[in-house]
Every structure is written in C-alpha cells, then in structure tokens.
Amino acid sequence: MPERQVPQDDHAHQAAQTFRLLTDPTRIKLLWVLSQGECSVGDLANLVGAGATVVSQHLAKLRLAGLVSTRREGTFVFYSGTSHHVRDLLAESLAEAEHATGTRRPGGHRYAPRD
C-alpha cells in the first residue's frame, strides 16, 4: 500500500470540534460577516436576520472556541473573526454550495478565499 498521511489525533480532534461549531447556518453567517470586519451584536443580528439574544448565544460559543474575539468600546462590544483559515474553509464551503444550488454568479464565485 502506498504511504499516506494521517492527521495527528489532536489535530483531527480540533478539526472535528470546529466542524461541530459550523453545523449551524447562523454561525456560518456570523463567521462569514466577521471575517470581513468587526461588528456589534445589534449589527450582526440585523445582517443575519436573527434576534440579538440568539446572536449573543452563538457568539459566546464561538468565542469560547477561539473563533471570534471581542473589543470593548464604552458599553459596546465589537466582535471579529480570529482565523483566516476558518474564513478560507467557509469560502470553499460556500462556493461549493453555490455550485450545488446552481446560484453561481456569471462573474465567478461570490465567496472567494483571500489572496
């Protein structure tokens, strides 16, 4: 049998944890928006079409996982994405979704990995 690479156990475990967090469409939307820049909970709620309480609960889980970070300015908290790797994973997944649903734009993918 030819030699094959197998991920280390801790890497496979961490990847599985990340995939578990990405099984919710709202979290995917939140991470995609936050990969483009920081936002407040209120702005995120408006952008993803969810209530502020729901968005806050998702952000708490994403923050515990280290996928988002916060910055406080007075009474406001701003969230941002922490990993360009997660952004690239989302870009590839969303581009694949465009193909699967037949909604790819004529000019190319709407979701492009960073250069």
C-alpha atoms as a PDB file:
ATOM      1  CA  MET A   1       0.000   0.000   0.000  1.00  0.00           C
ATOM      2  CA  PRO A   2       1.351   3.482  -0.831  1.00  0.00           C
ATOM      3  CA  GLU A   3       2.272   5.777   2.025  1.00  0.00           C
ATOM      4  CA  ARG A   4      -0.498   8.094   3.153  1.00  0.00           C
ATOM      5  CA  GLN A   5      -0.548  10.972   5.594  1.00  0.00           C
ATOM      6  CA  VAL A   6      -2.808  10.614   8.605  1.00  0.00           C
ATOM      7  CA  PRO A   7      -3.633  13.629  10.790  1.00  0.00           C
ATOM      8  CA  GLN A   8      -2.367  13.603  14.344  1.00  0.00           C
ATOM      9  CA  ASP A   9      -5.063  12.721  16.889  1.00  0.00           C
ATOM     10  CA  ASP A  10      -5.080  16.179  18.467  1.00  0.00           C
ATOM     11  CA  HIS A  11      -5.356  17.857  15.048  1.00  0.00           C
ATOM     12  CA  ALA A  12      -8.226  15.577  13.988  1.00  0.00           C
ATOM     13  CA  HIS A  13      -9.993  16.238  17.285  1.00  0.00           C
ATOM     14  CA  GLN A  14      -9.621  20.014  16.960  1.00  0.00           C
ATOM     15  CA  ALA A  15     -10.839  19.929  13.352  1.00  0.00           C
ATOM     16  CA  ALA A  16     -13.889  17.893  14.401  1.00  0.00           C
ATOM     17  CA  GLN A  17     -14.640  20.437  17.142  1.00  0.00           C
ATOM     18  CA  THR A  18     -14.503  23.248  14.593  1.00  0.00           C
ATOM     19  CA  PHE A  19     -16.798  21.364  12.210  1.00  0.00           C
ATOM     20  CA  ARG A  20     -19.290  20.790  15.048  1.00  0.00           C
ATOM     21  CA  LEU A  21     -19.454  24.527  15.646  1.00  0.00           C
ATOM     22  CA  LEU A  22     -20.050  25.117  11.940  1.00  0.00           C
ATOM     23  CA  THR A  23     -23.136  22.879  11.720  1.00  0.00           C
ATOM     24  CA  ASP A  24     -25.448  25.824  12.406  1.00  0.00           C
ATOM     25  CA  PRO A  25     -26.298  28.144   9.478  1.00  0.00           C
ATOM     26  CA  THR A  26     -26.483  31.183  11.761  1.00  0.00           C
ATOM     27  CA  ARG A  27     -22.933  30.559  12.984  1.00  0.00           C
ATOM     28  CA  ILE A  28     -21.721  30.246   9.403  1.00  0.00           C
ATOM     29  CA  LYS A  29     -23.343  33.579   8.564  1.00  0.00           C
ATOM     30  CA  LEU A  30     -21.867  35.206  11.674  1.00  0.00           C
ATOM     31  CA  LEU A  31     -18.361  33.947  10.987  1.00  0.00           C
ATOM     32  CA  TRP A  32     -18.576  34.993   7.349  1.00  0.00           C
ATOM     33  CA  VAL A  33     -19.657  38.526   8.277  1.00  0.00           C
ATOM     34  CA  LEU A  34     -17.000  38.752  10.995  1.00  0.00           C
ATOM     35  CA  SER A  35     -14.307  37.581   8.604  1.00  0.00           C
ATOM     36  CA  GLN A  36     -14.932  40.836   6.727  1.00  0.00           C
ATOM     37  CA  GLY A  37     -14.530  43.072   9.763  1.00  0.00           C
ATOM     38  CA  GLU A  38     -15.771  43.712  13.264  1.00  0.00           C
ATOM     39  CA  CYS A  39     -19.442  44.226  14.167  1.00  0.00           C
ATOM     40  CA  SER A  40     -21.617  44.793  17.192  1.00  0.00           C
ATOM     41  CA  VAL A  41     -24.274  42.287  18.250  1.00  0.00           C
ATOM     42  CA  GLY A  42     -27.041  44.584  17.022  1.00  0.00           C
ATOM     43  CA  ASP A  43     -25.476  44.973  13.584  1.00  0.00           C
ATOM     44  CA  LEU A  44     -24.858  41.230  13.356  1.00  0.00           C
ATOM     45  CA  ALA A  45     -28.462  40.489  14.312  1.00  0.00           C
ATOM     46  CA  ASN A  46     -29.702  42.755  11.522  1.00  0.00           C
ATOM     47  CA  LEU A  47     -27.293  41.327   8.965  1.00  0.00           C
ATOM     48  CA  VAL A  48     -28.020  37.651   9.631  1.00  0.00           C
ATOM     49  CA  GLY A  49     -31.729  38.057  10.353  1.00  0.00           C
ATOM     50  CA  ALA A  50     -31.724  36.725  13.911  1.00  0.00           C
ATOM     51  CA  GLY A  51     -32.561  38.152  17.301  1.00  0.00           C
ATOM     52  CA  ALA A  52     -29.830  39.780  19.372  1.00  0.00           C
ATOM     53  CA  THR A  53     -30.236  37.162  22.120  1.00  0.00           C
ATOM     54  CA  VAL A  54     -29.760  34.303  19.661  1.00  0.00           C
ATOM     55  CA  VAL A  55     -26.753  36.027  18.096  1.00  0.00           C
ATOM     56  CA  SER A  56     -25.220  36.599  21.558  1.00  0.00           C
ATOM     57  CA  GLN A  57     -25.608  32.908  22.416  1.00  0.00           C
ATOM     58  CA  HIS A  58     -23.901  31.842  19.187  1.00  0.00           C
ATOM     59  CA  LEU A  59     -21.124  34.395  19.679  1.00  0.00           C
ATOM     60  CA  ALA A  60     -20.481  33.110  23.198  1.00  0.00           C
ATOM     61  CA  LYS A  61     -19.884  29.596  21.839  1.00  0.00           C
ATOM     62  CA  LEU A  62     -17.703  30.874  19.006  1.00  0.00           C
ATOM     63  CA  ARG A  63     -15.710  32.987  21.444  1.00  0.00           C
ATOM     64  CA  LEU A  64     -15.135  30.041  23.797  1.00  0.00           C
ATOM     65  CA  ALA A  65     -13.842  28.078  20.808  1.00  0.00           C
ATOM     66  CA  GLY A  66     -11.464  30.918  19.944  1.00  0.00           C
ATOM     67  CA  LEU A  67     -13.099  31.603  16.572  1.00  0.00           C
ATOM     68  CA  VAL A  68     -14.128  35.175  17.431  1.00  0.00           C
ATOM     69  CA  SER A  69     -12.594  37.854  19.610  1.00  0.00           C
ATOM     70  CA  THR A  70     -14.033  40.944  21.262  1.00  0.00           C
ATOM     71  CA  ARG A  71     -13.115  44.576  21.669  1.00  0.00           C
ATOM     72  CA  ARG A  72     -14.916  46.808  24.146  1.00  0.00           C
ATOM     73  CA  GLU A  73     -15.571  50.467  23.451  1.00  0.00           C
ATOM     74  CA  GLY A  74     -17.526  52.040  26.290  1.00  0.00           C
ATOM     75  CA  THR A  75     -20.690  49.997  26.672  1.00  0.00           C
ATOM     76  CA  PHE A  76     -20.399  48.455  23.209  1.00  0.00           C
ATOM     77  CA  VAL A  77     -18.708  45.153  22.424  1.00  0.00           C
ATOM     78  CA  PHE A  78     -17.419  44.562  18.920  1.00  0.00           C
ATOM     79  CA  TYR A  79     -16.739  41.073  17.589  1.00  0.00           C
ATOM     80  CA  SER A  80     -14.333  39.980  14.878  1.00  0.00           C
ATOM     81  CA  GLY A  81     -13.170  36.720  13.356  1.00  0.00           C
ATOM     82  CA  THR A  82      -9.847  35.353  14.552  1.00  0.00           C
ATOM     83  CA  SER A  83      -8.818  32.865  11.891  1.00  0.00           C
ATOM     84  CA  HIS A  84      -8.164  33.312   8.194  1.00  0.00           C
ATOM     85  CA  HIS A  85      -8.142  29.509   7.990  1.00  0.00           C
ATOM     86  CA  VAL A  86     -11.793  29.361   9.081  1.00  0.00           C
ATOM     87  CA  ARG A  87     -12.622  32.127   6.619  1.00  0.00           C
ATOM     88  CA  ASP A  88     -10.987  30.129   3.811  1.00  0.00           C
ATOM     89  CA  LEU A  89     -12.846  26.982   4.895  1.00  0.00           C
ATOM     90  CA  LEU A  90     -16.123  28.917   4.824  1.00  0.00           C
ATOM     91  CA  ALA A  91     -15.293  30.432   1.431  1.00  0.00           C
ATOM     92  CA  GLU A  92     -14.676  26.991  -0.068  1.00  0.00           C
ATOM     93  CA  SER A  93     -17.821  25.548   1.537  1.00  0.00           C
ATOM     94  CA  LEU A  94     -19.994  28.453   0.414  1.00  0.00           C
ATOM     95  CA  ALA A  95     -18.551  28.314  -3.114  1.00  0.00           C
ATOM     96  CA  GLU A  96     -19.384  24.606  -3.210  1.00  0.00           C
ATOM     97  CA  ALA A  97     -22.909  25.473  -2.045  1.00  0.00           C
ATOM     98  CA  GLU A  98     -23.182  27.891  -4.982  1.00  0.00           C
ATOM     99  CA  HIS A  99     -22.352  25.041  -7.351  1.00  0.00           C
ATOM    100  CA  ALA A 100     -24.725  22.622  -5.636  1.00  0.00           C
ATOM    101  CA  THR A 101     -27.620  25.077  -5.733  1.00  0.00           C
ATOM    102  CA  GLY A 102     -26.872  26.424  -9.213  1.00  0.00           C
ATOM    103  CA  THR A 103     -26.646  30.011  -7.966  1.00  0.00           C
ATOM    104  CA  ARG A 104     -23.094  30.815  -9.034  1.00  0.00           C
ATOM    105  CA  ARG A 105     -22.805  34.327 -10.410  1.00  0.00           C
ATOM    106  CA  PRO A 106     -21.687  34.820 -14.027  1.00  0.00           C
ATOM    107  CA  GLY A 107     -18.583  36.738 -12.882  1.00  0.00           C
ATOM    108  CA  GLY A 108     -17.430  33.942 -10.601  1.00  0.00           C
ATOM    109  CA  HIS A 109     -17.877  32.927  -7.013  1.00  0.00           C
ATOM    110  CA  ARG A 110     -19.455  35.296  -4.562  1.00  0.00           C
ATOM    111  CA  TYR A 111     -17.371  33.739  -1.786  1.00  0.00           C
ATOM    112  CA  ALA A 112     -13.694  33.878  -2.610  1.00  0.00           C
ATOM    113  CA  PRO A 113     -10.767  32.845  -0.448  1.00  0.00           C
ATOM    114  CA  ARG A 114      -8.407  35.641   0.495  1.00  0.00           C
ATOM    115  CA  ASP A 115      -5.379  36.158  -1.695  1.00  0.00           C
END
